[in-house]
N, C-alpha and C. Protein backbone atom coordinates (compact mmCIF):
# COMPACT_ATOMS: atom_id res chain seq x y z
N UNK A 1 58.27 -8.04 -37.34
CA UNK A 1 57.21 -7.84 -38.34
C UNK A 1 56.10 -7.02 -37.72
N UNK A 2 55.69 -6.03 -38.45
CA UNK A 2 54.65 -5.13 -37.94
C UNK A 2 53.28 -5.75 -38.17
N UNK A 3 52.29 -5.52 -37.23
CA UNK A 3 50.92 -6.03 -37.44
C UNK A 3 50.34 -5.45 -38.70
N UNK A 4 49.55 -6.25 -39.37
CA UNK A 4 48.91 -5.82 -40.62
C UNK A 4 47.93 -4.71 -40.34
N UNK A 5 48.03 -3.66 -41.13
CA UNK A 5 47.17 -2.50 -40.96
C UNK A 5 45.96 -2.61 -41.87
N UNK A 6 44.80 -2.16 -41.38
CA UNK A 6 43.61 -2.09 -42.22
C UNK A 6 43.64 -0.78 -42.97
N UNK A 7 42.65 -0.60 -43.88
CA UNK A 7 42.60 0.63 -44.67
C UNK A 7 42.39 1.85 -43.80
N UNK A 8 41.82 1.68 -42.62
CA UNK A 8 41.59 2.82 -41.72
C UNK A 8 42.77 3.07 -40.82
N UNK A 9 43.84 2.23 -40.86
CA UNK A 9 45.02 2.50 -40.08
C UNK A 9 45.09 1.73 -38.78
N UNK A 10 44.07 0.89 -38.43
CA UNK A 10 44.07 0.15 -37.17
C UNK A 10 44.53 -1.27 -37.42
N UNK A 11 45.29 -1.85 -36.51
CA UNK A 11 45.76 -3.22 -36.65
C UNK A 11 44.64 -4.18 -36.33
N UNK A 12 44.79 -5.43 -36.83
CA UNK A 12 43.77 -6.45 -36.55
C UNK A 12 43.66 -6.69 -35.05
N UNK A 13 44.79 -6.72 -34.37
CA UNK A 13 44.80 -6.95 -32.93
C UNK A 13 44.05 -5.87 -32.18
N UNK A 14 44.32 -4.60 -32.55
CA UNK A 14 43.62 -3.49 -31.91
C UNK A 14 42.13 -3.53 -32.20
N UNK A 15 41.79 -3.90 -33.42
CA UNK A 15 40.39 -3.96 -33.81
C UNK A 15 39.64 -5.00 -33.01
N UNK A 16 40.27 -6.17 -32.78
CA UNK A 16 39.62 -7.22 -32.00
C UNK A 16 39.37 -6.76 -30.56
N UNK A 17 40.36 -6.08 -29.98
CA UNK A 17 40.20 -5.60 -28.61
C UNK A 17 39.04 -4.63 -28.51
N UNK A 18 38.94 -3.71 -29.48
CA UNK A 18 37.85 -2.73 -29.47
C UNK A 18 36.51 -3.39 -29.67
N UNK A 19 36.46 -4.41 -30.51
CA UNK A 19 35.19 -5.09 -30.77
C UNK A 19 34.72 -5.86 -29.55
N UNK A 20 35.64 -6.58 -28.89
CA UNK A 20 35.26 -7.38 -27.74
C UNK A 20 34.79 -6.50 -26.60
N UNK A 21 35.46 -5.40 -26.37
CA UNK A 21 35.07 -4.51 -25.28
C UNK A 21 33.85 -3.67 -25.62
N UNK A 22 33.44 -3.64 -26.86
CA UNK A 22 32.26 -2.89 -27.24
C UNK A 22 32.47 -1.40 -27.17
N UNK A 23 33.71 -0.97 -27.32
CA UNK A 23 33.99 0.46 -27.20
C UNK A 23 34.00 1.18 -28.53
N UNK A 24 33.82 0.43 -29.62
CA UNK A 24 33.89 1.08 -30.93
C UNK A 24 32.77 0.56 -31.80
N UNK A 25 32.10 1.45 -32.46
CA UNK A 25 31.13 1.08 -33.48
C UNK A 25 31.77 1.37 -34.84
N UNK A 26 32.56 0.42 -35.34
CA UNK A 26 33.33 0.66 -36.55
C UNK A 26 32.51 0.34 -37.77
N UNK A 27 32.74 1.00 -38.83
CA UNK A 27 32.07 0.67 -40.09
C UNK A 27 32.49 -0.70 -40.57
N UNK A 28 31.66 -1.31 -41.36
CA UNK A 28 31.97 -2.64 -41.89
C UNK A 28 33.23 -2.62 -42.72
N UNK A 29 33.57 -1.49 -43.29
CA UNK A 29 34.74 -1.42 -44.16
C UNK A 29 36.03 -1.53 -43.39
N UNK A 30 36.02 -1.31 -42.04
CA UNK A 30 37.24 -1.36 -41.26
C UNK A 30 37.61 -2.78 -40.85
N UNK A 31 36.65 -3.71 -40.80
CA UNK A 31 36.90 -5.06 -40.30
C UNK A 31 36.93 -6.03 -41.44
N UNK A 32 37.79 -7.03 -41.28
CA UNK A 32 37.80 -8.09 -42.26
C UNK A 32 36.58 -8.98 -42.02
N UNK A 33 36.07 -9.63 -43.02
CA UNK A 33 34.83 -10.40 -42.89
C UNK A 33 34.87 -11.43 -41.79
N UNK A 34 35.99 -12.24 -41.69
CA UNK A 34 35.99 -13.30 -40.70
C UNK A 34 36.07 -12.74 -39.29
N UNK A 35 36.74 -11.59 -39.07
CA UNK A 35 36.77 -10.95 -37.75
C UNK A 35 35.42 -10.38 -37.39
N UNK A 36 34.78 -9.75 -38.36
CA UNK A 36 33.48 -9.13 -38.11
C UNK A 36 32.45 -10.18 -37.69
N UNK A 37 32.43 -11.31 -38.38
CA UNK A 37 31.43 -12.33 -38.09
C UNK A 37 31.67 -12.94 -36.71
N UNK A 38 32.91 -13.34 -36.42
CA UNK A 38 33.19 -14.04 -35.18
C UNK A 38 33.09 -13.14 -33.96
N UNK A 39 33.77 -12.00 -34.00
CA UNK A 39 33.79 -11.11 -32.84
C UNK A 39 32.43 -10.49 -32.60
N UNK A 40 31.77 -10.06 -33.68
CA UNK A 40 30.46 -9.43 -33.53
C UNK A 40 29.45 -10.41 -32.96
N UNK A 41 29.51 -11.66 -33.43
CA UNK A 41 28.57 -12.66 -32.91
C UNK A 41 28.80 -12.90 -31.43
N UNK A 42 30.08 -12.99 -31.03
CA UNK A 42 30.37 -13.18 -29.61
C UNK A 42 29.92 -12.00 -28.77
N UNK A 43 30.13 -10.81 -29.29
CA UNK A 43 29.72 -9.61 -28.56
C UNK A 43 28.20 -9.56 -28.39
N UNK A 44 27.47 -9.89 -29.47
CA UNK A 44 26.01 -9.89 -29.40
C UNK A 44 25.49 -10.92 -28.41
N UNK A 45 26.13 -12.12 -28.40
CA UNK A 45 25.71 -13.14 -27.45
C UNK A 45 25.92 -12.65 -26.02
N UNK A 46 27.03 -11.95 -25.78
CA UNK A 46 27.30 -11.41 -24.44
C UNK A 46 26.26 -10.38 -24.04
N UNK A 47 25.91 -9.50 -24.98
CA UNK A 47 24.90 -8.46 -24.69
C UNK A 47 23.56 -9.09 -24.38
N UNK A 48 23.14 -10.07 -25.21
CA UNK A 48 21.83 -10.69 -25.03
C UNK A 48 21.76 -11.45 -23.72
N UNK A 49 22.84 -12.17 -23.37
CA UNK A 49 22.82 -12.96 -22.15
C UNK A 49 22.79 -12.08 -20.90
N UNK A 50 23.37 -10.89 -20.97
CA UNK A 50 23.40 -10.00 -19.82
C UNK A 50 22.27 -9.00 -19.80
N UNK A 51 21.50 -8.90 -20.88
CA UNK A 51 20.43 -7.91 -20.97
C UNK A 51 19.39 -8.06 -19.87
N UNK A 52 18.88 -9.29 -19.57
CA UNK A 52 17.90 -9.40 -18.49
C UNK A 52 18.43 -8.90 -17.16
N UNK A 53 19.74 -9.18 -16.88
CA UNK A 53 20.31 -8.72 -15.63
C UNK A 53 20.37 -7.21 -15.58
N UNK A 54 20.79 -6.59 -16.70
CA UNK A 54 20.84 -5.12 -16.73
C UNK A 54 19.47 -4.51 -16.53
N UNK A 55 18.46 -5.09 -17.21
CA UNK A 55 17.10 -4.57 -17.08
C UNK A 55 16.60 -4.74 -15.65
N UNK A 56 16.89 -5.90 -15.05
CA UNK A 56 16.44 -6.16 -13.70
C UNK A 56 17.06 -5.19 -12.71
N UNK A 57 18.36 -4.94 -12.88
CA UNK A 57 19.03 -4.02 -11.98
C UNK A 57 18.52 -2.60 -12.15
N UNK A 58 18.31 -2.19 -13.39
CA UNK A 58 17.89 -0.81 -13.64
C UNK A 58 16.46 -0.57 -13.22
N UNK A 59 15.61 -1.63 -13.27
CA UNK A 59 14.20 -1.45 -12.94
C UNK A 59 13.91 -1.70 -11.47
N UNK A 60 14.64 -2.63 -10.82
CA UNK A 60 14.30 -3.00 -9.47
C UNK A 60 15.07 -2.22 -8.42
N UNK A 61 16.28 -1.83 -8.75
CA UNK A 61 17.11 -1.21 -7.73
C UNK A 61 16.47 0.04 -7.13
N UNK A 62 16.01 1.01 -7.94
CA UNK A 62 15.37 2.19 -7.33
C UNK A 62 14.11 1.84 -6.57
N UNK A 63 13.32 0.89 -7.13
CA UNK A 63 12.07 0.52 -6.45
C UNK A 63 12.37 -0.17 -5.13
N UNK A 64 13.33 -1.11 -5.13
CA UNK A 64 13.67 -1.83 -3.92
C UNK A 64 14.17 -0.88 -2.85
N UNK A 65 14.99 0.07 -3.24
CA UNK A 65 15.50 1.05 -2.28
C UNK A 65 14.38 1.88 -1.71
N UNK A 66 13.46 2.32 -2.59
CA UNK A 66 12.34 3.14 -2.12
C UNK A 66 11.45 2.35 -1.18
N UNK A 67 11.18 1.07 -1.53
CA UNK A 67 10.34 0.22 -0.69
C UNK A 67 10.98 0.00 0.67
N UNK A 68 12.31 -0.22 0.67
CA UNK A 68 13.01 -0.44 1.93
C UNK A 68 12.94 0.79 2.82
N UNK A 69 13.10 1.97 2.25
CA UNK A 69 13.03 3.21 3.02
C UNK A 69 11.63 3.42 3.58
N UNK A 70 10.60 3.17 2.75
CA UNK A 70 9.22 3.33 3.21
C UNK A 70 8.91 2.34 4.32
N UNK A 71 9.39 1.09 4.18
CA UNK A 71 9.15 0.08 5.20
C UNK A 71 9.78 0.47 6.52
N UNK A 72 11.02 0.98 6.46
CA UNK A 72 11.68 1.42 7.67
C UNK A 72 10.95 2.58 8.31
N UNK A 73 10.38 3.48 7.49
CA UNK A 73 9.66 4.63 8.02
C UNK A 73 8.40 4.18 8.75
N UNK A 74 7.67 3.21 8.17
CA UNK A 74 6.44 2.72 8.79
C UNK A 74 6.74 2.01 10.10
N UNK A 75 7.89 1.33 10.18
CA UNK A 75 8.25 0.59 11.38
C UNK A 75 8.86 1.48 12.45
N UNK A 76 8.87 2.78 12.27
CA UNK A 76 9.48 3.68 13.24
C UNK A 76 8.61 4.92 13.44
N UNK A 77 7.36 4.70 13.81
CA UNK A 77 6.41 5.80 14.01
C UNK A 77 6.37 6.21 15.47
N UNK A 78 6.33 7.49 15.70
CA UNK A 78 6.05 7.99 17.05
C UNK A 78 4.56 7.85 17.31
N UNK A 79 4.15 8.07 18.54
CA UNK A 79 2.74 7.95 18.86
C UNK A 79 1.92 9.00 18.12
N UNK A 80 2.52 10.17 17.89
CA UNK A 80 1.82 11.21 17.14
C UNK A 80 1.60 10.81 15.70
N UNK A 81 2.62 10.20 15.07
CA UNK A 81 2.48 9.74 13.69
C UNK A 81 1.49 8.58 13.59
N UNK A 82 1.48 7.71 14.59
CA UNK A 82 0.50 6.62 14.61
C UNK A 82 -0.91 7.17 14.69
N UNK A 83 -1.12 8.15 15.55
CA UNK A 83 -2.43 8.77 15.68
C UNK A 83 -2.85 9.42 14.37
N UNK A 84 -1.92 10.08 13.71
CA UNK A 84 -2.21 10.72 12.43
C UNK A 84 -2.59 9.69 11.37
N UNK A 85 -1.88 8.57 11.34
CA UNK A 85 -2.16 7.52 10.37
C UNK A 85 -3.53 6.89 10.60
N UNK A 86 -3.99 6.86 11.85
CA UNK A 86 -5.28 6.27 12.16
C UNK A 86 -6.42 7.26 12.22
N UNK A 87 -6.11 8.55 12.07
CA UNK A 87 -7.15 9.57 12.09
C UNK A 87 -7.74 9.81 13.47
N UNK A 88 -6.91 9.64 14.51
CA UNK A 88 -7.38 9.85 15.89
C UNK A 88 -6.39 10.76 16.61
N UNK A 89 -6.69 11.06 17.84
CA UNK A 89 -5.79 11.86 18.66
C UNK A 89 -4.86 10.98 19.47
N UNK A 90 -3.83 11.58 20.01
CA UNK A 90 -2.86 10.83 20.82
C UNK A 90 -3.53 10.24 22.06
N UNK A 91 -4.42 11.00 22.68
CA UNK A 91 -5.10 10.50 23.88
C UNK A 91 -5.98 9.30 23.56
N UNK A 92 -6.51 9.25 22.35
CA UNK A 92 -7.30 8.08 21.94
C UNK A 92 -6.41 6.84 21.88
N UNK A 93 -5.18 7.01 21.38
CA UNK A 93 -4.23 5.90 21.34
C UNK A 93 -3.98 5.38 22.75
N UNK A 94 -3.73 6.30 23.66
CA UNK A 94 -3.44 5.90 25.04
C UNK A 94 -4.66 5.24 25.69
N UNK A 95 -5.84 5.73 25.34
CA UNK A 95 -7.07 5.12 25.88
C UNK A 95 -7.22 3.69 25.38
N UNK A 96 -6.98 3.48 24.08
CA UNK A 96 -7.03 2.13 23.53
C UNK A 96 -6.00 1.22 24.19
N UNK A 97 -4.86 1.77 24.53
CA UNK A 97 -3.82 0.98 25.19
C UNK A 97 -4.28 0.57 26.59
N UNK A 98 -4.91 1.49 27.29
CA UNK A 98 -5.41 1.16 28.63
C UNK A 98 -6.51 0.10 28.57
N UNK A 99 -7.27 0.11 27.49
CA UNK A 99 -8.35 -0.89 27.33
C UNK A 99 -7.84 -2.21 26.77
N UNK A 100 -6.56 -2.28 26.46
CA UNK A 100 -6.00 -3.52 25.96
C UNK A 100 -6.22 -3.75 24.48
N UNK A 101 -6.61 -2.70 23.74
CA UNK A 101 -6.84 -2.83 22.31
C UNK A 101 -5.55 -2.66 21.50
N UNK A 102 -4.64 -1.84 22.01
CA UNK A 102 -3.36 -1.60 21.37
C UNK A 102 -2.25 -1.92 22.37
N UNK A 103 -1.16 -2.46 21.86
CA UNK A 103 -0.02 -2.75 22.71
C UNK A 103 0.78 -1.48 22.99
N UNK A 104 1.47 -1.49 24.12
CA UNK A 104 2.36 -0.38 24.47
C UNK A 104 3.80 -0.87 24.30
N UNK A 105 4.47 -0.43 23.26
CA UNK A 105 5.84 -0.93 23.01
C UNK A 105 6.83 -0.37 24.02
N UNK A 106 7.96 -1.05 24.12
CA UNK A 106 9.02 -0.56 24.99
C UNK A 106 9.65 0.68 24.38
N UNK A 107 10.31 1.44 25.19
CA UNK A 107 10.90 2.70 24.72
C UNK A 107 12.21 2.45 23.97
N UNK A 108 12.39 3.18 22.89
CA UNK A 108 13.62 3.16 22.12
C UNK A 108 14.23 4.55 22.21
N UNK A 109 15.28 4.71 23.03
CA UNK A 109 15.87 6.02 23.26
C UNK A 109 14.83 7.02 23.77
N UNK A 110 14.11 6.59 24.78
CA UNK A 110 13.11 7.42 25.45
C UNK A 110 11.85 7.66 24.61
N UNK A 111 11.74 7.03 23.44
CA UNK A 111 10.56 7.22 22.58
C UNK A 111 9.97 5.85 22.24
N UNK A 112 8.67 5.73 22.37
CA UNK A 112 7.99 4.49 21.97
C UNK A 112 7.79 4.50 20.45
N UNK A 113 8.16 3.42 19.80
CA UNK A 113 8.06 3.32 18.35
C UNK A 113 6.98 2.31 17.97
N UNK A 114 6.21 2.68 16.94
CA UNK A 114 5.11 1.83 16.46
C UNK A 114 5.36 1.46 15.00
N UNK A 115 4.75 0.34 14.58
CA UNK A 115 4.98 -0.15 13.23
C UNK A 115 3.69 -0.34 12.45
N UNK A 116 3.83 -1.02 11.31
CA UNK A 116 2.69 -1.20 10.41
C UNK A 116 1.59 -2.05 11.04
N UNK A 117 1.94 -3.00 11.90
CA UNK A 117 0.92 -3.81 12.57
C UNK A 117 0.06 -2.96 13.49
N UNK A 118 0.68 -1.98 14.14
CA UNK A 118 -0.09 -1.09 15.01
C UNK A 118 -1.04 -0.21 14.20
N UNK A 119 -0.58 0.27 13.04
CA UNK A 119 -1.45 1.06 12.16
C UNK A 119 -2.63 0.23 11.70
N UNK A 120 -2.34 -1.00 11.28
CA UNK A 120 -3.41 -1.90 10.81
C UNK A 120 -4.42 -2.18 11.92
N UNK A 121 -3.95 -2.41 13.11
CA UNK A 121 -4.82 -2.70 14.26
C UNK A 121 -5.68 -1.48 14.60
N UNK A 122 -5.06 -0.30 14.58
CA UNK A 122 -5.79 0.93 14.90
C UNK A 122 -6.89 1.20 13.89
N UNK A 123 -6.60 1.01 12.62
CA UNK A 123 -7.61 1.24 11.59
C UNK A 123 -8.75 0.24 11.72
N UNK A 124 -8.45 -0.98 12.09
CA UNK A 124 -9.52 -1.96 12.31
C UNK A 124 -10.42 -1.53 13.46
N UNK A 125 -9.83 -1.03 14.53
CA UNK A 125 -10.63 -0.59 15.67
C UNK A 125 -11.59 0.51 15.25
N UNK A 126 -11.12 1.47 14.46
CA UNK A 126 -11.96 2.56 14.01
C UNK A 126 -13.09 2.06 13.10
N UNK A 127 -12.76 1.16 12.21
CA UNK A 127 -13.78 0.62 11.30
C UNK A 127 -14.81 -0.21 12.07
N UNK A 128 -14.35 -0.98 13.04
CA UNK A 128 -15.28 -1.79 13.84
C UNK A 128 -16.20 -0.90 14.66
N UNK A 129 -15.68 0.20 15.18
CA UNK A 129 -16.53 1.13 15.90
C UNK A 129 -17.59 1.74 14.99
N UNK A 130 -17.19 2.05 13.76
CA UNK A 130 -18.15 2.61 12.80
C UNK A 130 -19.25 1.60 12.49
N UNK A 131 -18.92 0.31 12.55
CA UNK A 131 -19.92 -0.72 12.29
C UNK A 131 -20.80 -0.99 13.49
N UNK A 132 -20.50 -0.33 14.62
CA UNK A 132 -21.35 -0.47 15.80
C UNK A 132 -20.84 -1.42 16.86
N UNK A 133 -19.67 -1.98 16.70
CA UNK A 133 -19.12 -2.86 17.72
C UNK A 133 -18.70 -2.05 18.94
N UNK A 134 -18.94 -2.59 20.12
CA UNK A 134 -18.45 -1.97 21.34
C UNK A 134 -16.96 -2.26 21.49
N UNK A 135 -16.31 -1.53 22.37
CA UNK A 135 -14.89 -1.77 22.59
C UNK A 135 -14.64 -3.17 23.15
N UNK A 136 -15.56 -3.66 23.98
CA UNK A 136 -15.42 -5.02 24.50
C UNK A 136 -15.50 -6.04 23.36
N UNK A 137 -16.43 -5.83 22.43
CA UNK A 137 -16.55 -6.74 21.29
C UNK A 137 -15.34 -6.64 20.37
N UNK A 138 -14.82 -5.42 20.22
CA UNK A 138 -13.65 -5.24 19.37
C UNK A 138 -12.45 -5.95 19.96
N UNK A 139 -12.28 -5.87 21.29
CA UNK A 139 -11.18 -6.58 21.93
C UNK A 139 -11.32 -8.08 21.75
N UNK A 140 -12.54 -8.57 21.84
CA UNK A 140 -12.76 -10.00 21.63
C UNK A 140 -12.43 -10.40 20.19
N UNK A 141 -12.80 -9.54 19.24
CA UNK A 141 -12.49 -9.83 17.83
C UNK A 141 -10.97 -9.85 17.61
N UNK A 142 -10.28 -8.91 18.24
CA UNK A 142 -8.82 -8.88 18.10
C UNK A 142 -8.18 -10.12 18.70
N UNK A 143 -8.72 -10.57 19.82
CA UNK A 143 -8.20 -11.80 20.43
C UNK A 143 -8.52 -13.02 19.55
N UNK A 144 -9.70 -13.00 18.93
CA UNK A 144 -10.09 -14.12 18.06
C UNK A 144 -9.25 -14.17 16.80
N UNK A 145 -8.71 -13.01 16.40
CA UNK A 145 -7.89 -12.97 15.20
C UNK A 145 -6.65 -13.84 15.34
N UNK A 146 -6.21 -14.04 16.58
CA UNK A 146 -5.01 -14.86 16.82
C UNK A 146 -5.37 -16.27 17.26
N UNK A 147 -6.66 -16.61 17.21
CA UNK A 147 -7.09 -17.94 17.63
C UNK A 147 -7.75 -18.68 16.48
N UNK A 148 -8.23 -19.87 16.76
CA UNK A 148 -8.90 -20.68 15.75
C UNK A 148 -10.39 -20.85 16.05
N UNK A 149 -10.94 -19.97 16.90
CA UNK A 149 -12.35 -20.04 17.25
C UNK A 149 -13.18 -19.33 16.19
N UNK A 150 -13.32 -19.97 15.05
CA UNK A 150 -14.03 -19.37 13.93
C UNK A 150 -15.52 -19.26 14.22
N UNK A 151 -16.05 -20.17 15.02
CA UNK A 151 -17.49 -20.16 15.32
C UNK A 151 -17.86 -18.89 16.09
N UNK A 152 -17.04 -18.51 17.06
CA UNK A 152 -17.33 -17.32 17.85
C UNK A 152 -17.22 -16.06 16.99
N UNK A 153 -16.23 -16.02 16.13
CA UNK A 153 -16.08 -14.86 15.23
C UNK A 153 -17.29 -14.75 14.31
N UNK A 154 -17.77 -15.87 13.81
CA UNK A 154 -18.96 -15.85 12.94
C UNK A 154 -20.19 -15.40 13.72
N UNK A 155 -20.29 -15.83 14.97
CA UNK A 155 -21.43 -15.45 15.81
C UNK A 155 -21.46 -13.94 16.03
N UNK A 156 -20.30 -13.35 16.33
CA UNK A 156 -20.24 -11.91 16.54
C UNK A 156 -20.57 -11.15 15.26
N UNK A 157 -20.07 -11.64 14.13
CA UNK A 157 -20.32 -10.97 12.86
C UNK A 157 -21.81 -11.03 12.51
N UNK A 158 -22.44 -12.17 12.69
CA UNK A 158 -23.86 -12.32 12.35
C UNK A 158 -24.73 -11.44 13.25
N UNK A 159 -24.38 -11.34 14.53
CA UNK A 159 -25.13 -10.49 15.45
C UNK A 159 -25.02 -9.02 15.04
N UNK A 160 -23.82 -8.63 14.60
CA UNK A 160 -23.65 -7.24 14.19
C UNK A 160 -24.38 -6.96 12.89
N UNK A 161 -24.42 -7.91 11.97
CA UNK A 161 -25.17 -7.75 10.72
C UNK A 161 -26.65 -7.54 11.01
N UNK A 162 -27.18 -8.31 11.94
CA UNK A 162 -28.59 -8.16 12.32
C UNK A 162 -28.85 -6.78 12.90
N UNK A 163 -27.95 -6.32 13.77
CA UNK A 163 -28.12 -4.99 14.38
C UNK A 163 -28.02 -3.90 13.32
N UNK A 164 -27.11 -4.07 12.36
CA UNK A 164 -26.98 -3.08 11.28
C UNK A 164 -28.22 -3.05 10.40
N UNK A 165 -28.81 -4.22 10.14
CA UNK A 165 -30.04 -4.26 9.35
C UNK A 165 -31.16 -3.51 10.05
N UNK A 166 -31.26 -3.67 11.35
CA UNK A 166 -32.28 -2.96 12.12
C UNK A 166 -32.01 -1.45 12.09
N UNK A 167 -30.75 -1.09 12.17
CA UNK A 167 -30.40 0.33 12.14
C UNK A 167 -30.70 0.93 10.77
N UNK A 168 -30.41 0.17 9.73
CA UNK A 168 -30.71 0.64 8.37
C UNK A 168 -32.20 0.85 8.18
N UNK A 169 -33.00 -0.07 8.72
CA UNK A 169 -34.45 0.07 8.62
C UNK A 169 -34.93 1.30 9.39
N UNK A 170 -34.33 1.54 10.55
CA UNK A 170 -34.70 2.72 11.34
C UNK A 170 -34.33 4.00 10.60
N UNK A 171 -33.16 4.01 9.99
CA UNK A 171 -32.75 5.18 9.22
C UNK A 171 -33.64 5.39 8.00
N UNK A 172 -34.10 4.30 7.41
CA UNK A 172 -35.01 4.42 6.28
C UNK A 172 -36.32 5.06 6.67
N UNK A 173 -36.83 4.70 7.86
CA UNK A 173 -38.07 5.32 8.33
C UNK A 173 -37.87 6.81 8.62
N UNK A 174 -36.70 7.15 9.18
CA UNK A 174 -36.40 8.55 9.43
C UNK A 174 -36.29 9.33 8.12
N UNK A 175 -35.72 8.72 7.11
CA UNK A 175 -35.61 9.37 5.80
C UNK A 175 -36.99 9.63 5.20
N UNK A 176 -37.89 8.64 5.31
CA UNK A 176 -39.23 8.81 4.77
C UNK A 176 -39.98 9.93 5.50
N UNK A 177 -39.77 10.02 6.83
CA UNK A 177 -40.43 11.06 7.60
C UNK A 177 -39.93 12.44 7.19
N UNK A 178 -38.65 12.57 6.96
CA UNK A 178 -38.08 13.84 6.52
C UNK A 178 -38.59 14.22 5.13
N UNK A 179 -38.78 13.25 4.28
CA UNK A 179 -39.34 13.53 2.95
C UNK A 179 -40.77 14.05 3.06
N UNK A 180 -41.56 13.44 3.97
CA UNK A 180 -42.93 13.91 4.17
C UNK A 180 -42.94 15.34 4.71
N UNK A 181 -42.00 15.60 5.65
CA UNK A 181 -41.93 16.93 6.23
C UNK A 181 -41.56 17.95 5.17
N UNK A 182 -40.58 17.64 4.33
CA UNK A 182 -40.18 18.57 3.27
C UNK A 182 -41.32 18.80 2.29
N UNK A 183 -42.08 17.76 2.01
CA UNK A 183 -43.20 17.90 1.07
C UNK A 183 -44.31 18.75 1.67
N UNK A 184 -44.65 18.52 2.95
CA UNK A 184 -45.73 19.27 3.59
C UNK A 184 -45.34 20.74 3.79
N UNK A 185 -44.09 20.96 4.13
CA UNK A 185 -43.66 22.35 4.37
C UNK A 185 -43.44 23.10 3.06
N UNK A 186 -43.38 22.40 1.97
CA UNK A 186 -43.18 23.05 0.69
C UNK A 186 -44.45 23.17 -0.11
N UNK A 187 -45.59 22.83 0.49
CA UNK A 187 -46.85 22.85 -0.26
C UNK A 187 -47.44 24.26 -0.40
N UNK A 188 -46.97 25.21 0.39
CA UNK A 188 -47.47 26.58 0.31
C UNK A 188 -48.65 26.85 1.21
N UNK A 189 -49.03 25.86 2.03
CA UNK A 189 -50.17 26.06 2.93
C UNK A 189 -49.79 26.99 4.08
N UNK A 190 -50.79 27.66 4.63
CA UNK A 190 -50.54 28.57 5.74
C UNK A 190 -50.38 27.77 7.02
N UNK A 191 -49.73 28.38 7.99
CA UNK A 191 -49.58 27.73 9.28
C UNK A 191 -48.23 27.06 9.42
N UNK A 192 -47.98 26.53 10.63
CA UNK A 192 -46.69 25.88 10.90
C UNK A 192 -46.56 24.54 10.17
N UNK A 193 -45.35 24.11 10.00
CA UNK A 193 -45.10 22.80 9.36
C UNK A 193 -45.48 21.68 10.32
N UNK A 194 -46.09 20.63 9.83
CA UNK A 194 -46.53 19.52 10.69
C UNK A 194 -45.35 18.60 11.03
N UNK A 195 -44.47 19.07 11.88
CA UNK A 195 -43.25 18.32 12.16
C UNK A 195 -43.56 17.01 12.89
N UNK A 196 -44.30 17.10 13.99
CA UNK A 196 -44.60 15.89 14.75
C UNK A 196 -45.41 14.90 13.94
N UNK A 197 -46.37 15.43 13.16
CA UNK A 197 -47.22 14.54 12.34
C UNK A 197 -46.38 13.82 11.29
N UNK A 198 -45.39 14.47 10.74
CA UNK A 198 -44.58 13.86 9.70
C UNK A 198 -43.80 12.66 10.21
N UNK A 199 -43.48 12.64 11.52
CA UNK A 199 -42.68 11.53 12.06
C UNK A 199 -43.55 10.45 12.69
N UNK A 200 -44.86 10.57 12.54
CA UNK A 200 -45.74 9.52 13.04
C UNK A 200 -45.89 8.44 11.97
N UNK A 201 -45.77 7.18 12.37
CA UNK A 201 -45.91 6.07 11.44
C UNK A 201 -47.33 5.94 10.96
């Protein structure tokens, strides 16, 4: 006995296979009502249940791969790339190493490799120097970062804040003196500008 043919020429068995595999978008006229309801419902349930996985794979896979590549790149810096990342010269890196501020890694195929921790440490050193910390104080801060001596860290920070406040006040006085000088020299009076007088309190 031959399988029953639909009006479009496809057998019920063939139609079910196509519906389950999702390879055919057939018109409603090709499927019998009970096949359409059962197979279509099963197919939709399969699509919905797998949709989060498909979305997760399509959205995370490229990002995860890119993140992994970037992470590997950061963990394999030459000393020149480390210096570039920190905005310093190679000799500055070596000087910091001699002072005990940066570690000197072992050689990997005749080349020393640096990672993200070294970049982070180098940037901190530069920022601390900009805040007025001496290299001795910076080394102490780096050592305190791995300890639980919070009181000493607070003491160093408070001392530096006080020094910065004094420096800010000094810079403010210099700014006011320069404003007086610009005003006096722009008044149109004859003679030299009163430079020394402008900086007198």
